[in-house]
């Protein structure tokens, strides 16, 4: 008579599914216990040994780049540029465009262009600086000049009074720039997007 059983519920001694499951469960429990043991004090020791990584915070006031002869600055529209022009020091800012958009009507396509204004303000802390309309250049995204009219041909900034020019132009949707040139070279350029929808 054979030692091997043909019954359904029995298997050879030491080779059944039940023993494999028990061994697998014991192995899994051992791994979990080891992992739990490692995650306690060893992790906190690693953190204290490595220290904390500082997260930089935003500066209390925005950083203002400085433009000087031979060192032009490119900024976003609305940002100020500090000026170091030798004996004259100051700051120039351009804002806008303020667009004159019609009220939207149902089903109508948005306009592809709009009249708008850009304001340029020059402030000096030392010396005086002339701000002239012919030193300002508006360009579209293809680099083509955008014609504009200024509310006055020029203004002079002194520590007692800012020079302000308001430019009026027709802006097309898309990317544009405004540059202020000194001695024929850009000193400050503002980059902006015209959205008409």
Protein backbone atom coordinates (compact mmCIF):
# COMPACT_ATOMS: atom_id res chain seq x y z
CA UNK A 1 0.00 0.00 0.00
CA UNK A 2 1.28 3.43 -0.98
CA UNK A 3 1.88 6.24 1.47
CA UNK A 4 0.36 8.66 -1.02
CA UNK A 5 -3.27 9.48 -0.39
CA UNK A 6 -5.73 10.02 -3.15
CA UNK A 7 -8.22 11.90 -1.00
CA UNK A 8 -9.10 15.44 -1.93
CA UNK A 9 -8.48 17.15 1.40
CA UNK A 10 -5.10 15.62 2.15
CA UNK A 11 -1.60 16.27 0.92
CA UNK A 12 1.78 14.78 1.59
CA UNK A 13 3.18 15.53 4.99
CA UNK A 14 5.20 18.83 4.99
CA UNK A 15 4.18 19.88 1.48
CA UNK A 16 0.69 21.37 1.70
CA UNK A 17 -0.64 24.76 0.68
CA UNK A 18 -1.36 25.53 4.32
CA UNK A 19 2.32 25.35 5.29
CA UNK A 20 3.32 27.61 2.38
CA UNK A 21 0.72 30.17 3.39
CA UNK A 22 1.86 30.06 7.01
CA UNK A 23 5.50 30.50 5.99
CA UNK A 24 4.57 33.37 3.67
CA UNK A 25 2.57 35.09 6.41
CA UNK A 26 5.42 34.69 8.89
CA UNK A 27 7.86 36.18 6.38
CA UNK A 28 5.51 39.09 5.68
CA UNK A 29 4.97 39.75 9.39
CA UNK A 30 8.74 39.69 9.94
CA UNK A 31 9.29 42.23 7.18
CA UNK A 32 6.55 44.50 8.51
CA UNK A 33 7.93 44.31 12.02
CA UNK A 34 11.41 45.20 10.73
CA UNK A 35 10.12 48.11 8.70
CA UNK A 36 8.13 49.43 11.66
CA UNK A 37 11.17 49.17 13.88
CA UNK A 38 13.26 51.18 11.39
CA UNK A 39 10.78 53.97 10.98
CA UNK A 40 10.88 55.12 14.58
CA UNK A 41 13.98 56.61 16.12
CA UNK A 42 16.26 56.01 13.12
CA UNK A 43 14.18 58.32 10.92
CA UNK A 44 14.12 61.11 13.52
CA UNK A 45 17.89 60.66 13.99
CA UNK A 46 18.39 61.08 10.25
CA UNK A 47 16.29 64.25 10.22
CA UNK A 48 18.20 65.79 13.13
CA UNK A 49 21.54 64.77 11.59
CA UNK A 50 20.70 66.23 8.17
CA UNK A 51 19.06 69.36 9.53
CA UNK A 52 16.25 71.27 7.92
CA UNK A 53 16.26 72.71 4.45
CA UNK A 54 15.39 76.43 4.56
CA UNK A 55 12.61 77.54 2.23
CA UNK A 56 13.34 81.00 0.85
CA UNK A 57 10.64 83.58 1.30
CA UNK A 58 9.77 86.35 -1.11
CA UNK A 59 11.67 89.58 -0.54
CA UNK A 60 9.83 92.23 1.48
CA UNK A 61 10.00 94.59 -1.49
CA UNK A 62 10.44 93.72 -5.16
CA UNK A 63 13.97 93.65 -6.52
CA UNK A 64 14.47 96.55 -8.93
CA UNK A 65 17.12 95.98 -11.64
CA UNK A 66 19.46 98.86 -12.45
CA UNK A 67 20.07 100.11 -15.99
CA UNK A 68 23.18 102.05 -16.86
CA UNK A 69 25.09 102.96 -20.02
CA UNK A 70 25.91 99.68 -21.76
CA UNK A 71 23.75 97.66 -19.35
CA UNK A 72 20.11 97.66 -20.48
CA UNK A 73 17.28 95.95 -18.59
CA UNK A 74 14.29 93.90 -19.81
CA UNK A 75 11.36 93.73 -17.40
CA UNK A 76 7.63 93.02 -17.39
CA UNK A 77 5.22 95.87 -17.98
CA UNK A 78 4.53 97.61 -14.68
CA UNK A 79 7.98 96.88 -13.22
CA UNK A 80 10.33 99.70 -12.33
CA UNK A 81 13.93 100.04 -13.55
CA UNK A 82 16.46 101.92 -11.43
CA UNK A 83 18.68 104.29 -13.40
CA UNK A 84 22.36 104.98 -12.96
CA UNK A 85 23.19 107.68 -15.51
CA UNK A 86 26.37 109.01 -13.96
CA UNK A 87 25.44 112.29 -12.32
CA UNK A 88 21.72 111.46 -12.58
CA UNK A 89 20.04 108.70 -10.59
CA UNK A 90 16.41 107.68 -10.59
CA UNK A 91 13.75 105.22 -11.61
CA UNK A 92 11.54 104.75 -14.69
CA UNK A 93 8.29 102.79 -14.86
CA UNK A 94 5.87 102.00 -17.67
CA UNK A 95 2.29 100.84 -17.06
CA UNK A 96 -0.56 99.72 -19.29
CA UNK A 97 -1.87 99.43 -21.79
CA UNK A 98 -5.24 100.62 -20.65
CA UNK A 99 -7.43 99.35 -23.49
CA UNK A 100 -10.60 101.02 -24.75
CA UNK A 101 -12.55 97.82 -25.45
CA UNK A 102 -16.19 97.89 -26.54
CA UNK A 103 -18.74 96.08 -24.39
CA UNK A 104 -18.92 92.41 -25.45
CA UNK A 105 -22.02 91.38 -27.39
CA UNK A 106 -23.44 87.86 -27.50
CA UNK A 107 -22.16 85.80 -30.40
CA UNK A 108 -19.76 88.48 -31.67
CA UNK A 109 -16.09 87.67 -32.18
CA UNK A 110 -13.67 89.59 -29.96
CA UNK A 111 -11.86 92.50 -31.65
CA UNK A 112 -8.39 91.91 -33.08
CA UNK A 113 -7.18 95.41 -32.11
CA UNK A 114 -8.00 98.15 -29.65
CA UNK A 115 -7.02 101.71 -28.90
CA UNK A 116 -5.14 102.00 -25.63
CA UNK A 117 -2.75 104.09 -23.57
CA UNK A 118 0.61 103.44 -21.93
CA UNK A 119 1.99 105.72 -19.23
CA UNK A 120 5.73 106.24 -18.71
CA UNK A 121 6.90 107.87 -15.47
CA UNK A 122 10.49 108.98 -14.80
CA UNK A 123 11.55 109.95 -11.28
CA UNK A 124 15.01 111.21 -10.35
CA UNK A 125 16.68 111.30 -6.96
CA UNK A 126 19.72 113.20 -8.25
CA UNK A 127 20.14 115.34 -11.33
CA UNK A 128 17.61 115.90 -14.10
CA UNK A 129 16.72 113.64 -17.04
CA UNK A 130 14.70 114.47 -20.16
CA UNK A 131 12.00 112.00 -21.19
CA UNK A 132 11.17 112.54 -24.86
CA UNK A 133 8.51 110.85 -26.96
CA UNK A 134 10.96 110.21 -29.79
CA UNK A 135 13.15 108.14 -27.40
CA UNK A 136 10.26 105.69 -26.86
CA UNK A 137 9.60 102.81 -29.27
CA UNK A 138 6.52 100.54 -29.26
CA UNK A 139 6.89 97.25 -31.18
CA UNK A 140 4.57 94.36 -31.99
CA UNK A 141 5.47 90.67 -31.74
CA UNK A 142 7.08 90.74 -35.20
CA UNK A 143 9.32 93.64 -34.24
CA UNK A 144 7.40 96.16 -36.33
CA UNK A 145 7.05 99.64 -34.88
CA UNK A 146 3.59 100.51 -33.53
CA UNK A 147 2.81 104.17 -34.25
CA UNK A 148 1.68 106.23 -31.28
CA UNK A 149 0.98 109.79 -30.27
CA UNK A 150 2.22 111.31 -27.00
CA UNK A 151 0.34 113.83 -24.92
CA UNK A 152 3.45 116.06 -25.09
CA UNK A 153 6.76 115.89 -26.94
CA UNK A 154 8.91 115.81 -23.80
CA UNK A 155 9.07 116.28 -20.04
CA UNK A 156 11.99 116.76 -17.66
CA UNK A 157 12.31 114.80 -14.42
CA UNK A 158 13.89 116.44 -11.39
CA UNK A 159 13.94 115.36 -7.74
CA UNK A 160 11.05 117.79 -7.20
CA UNK A 161 8.89 116.68 -10.14
CA UNK A 162 8.40 113.47 -12.14
CA UNK A 163 8.31 113.44 -15.94
CA UNK A 164 5.21 111.65 -17.25
CA UNK A 165 4.29 110.88 -20.86
CA UNK A 166 1.08 109.18 -21.95
CA UNK A 167 1.25 107.31 -25.25
CA UNK A 168 -1.87 106.46 -27.27
CA UNK A 169 -1.74 103.69 -29.89
CA UNK A 170 -3.82 100.99 -31.53
CA UNK A 171 -2.69 97.65 -30.11
CA UNK A 172 -3.17 94.30 -31.81
CA UNK A 173 -3.65 91.12 -29.81
CA UNK A 174 -0.37 89.44 -28.98
CA UNK A 175 3.05 90.18 -27.61
CA UNK A 176 4.45 93.74 -27.58
CA UNK A 177 7.34 95.73 -26.14
CA UNK A 178 8.04 99.32 -25.17
CA UNK A 179 11.66 100.51 -25.17
CA UNK A 180 13.21 103.70 -23.82
CA UNK A 181 16.34 104.62 -25.74
CA UNK A 182 19.13 106.83 -24.49
CA UNK A 183 21.74 107.96 -27.03
CA UNK A 184 20.03 105.74 -29.59
CA UNK A 185 20.41 102.51 -27.56
CA UNK A 186 17.72 100.75 -25.48
CA UNK A 187 18.20 101.32 -21.77
CA UNK A 188 14.93 99.86 -20.46
CA UNK A 189 12.45 97.59 -22.25
CA UNK A 190 9.06 96.48 -20.95
CA UNK A 191 7.51 93.27 -22.26
CA UNK A 192 3.73 92.80 -22.26
CA UNK A 193 0.87 90.82 -23.76
CA UNK A 194 -2.22 92.43 -25.28
CA UNK A 195 -5.33 90.32 -24.65
CA UNK A 196 -8.52 91.40 -26.34
CA UNK A 197 -10.87 88.46 -25.66
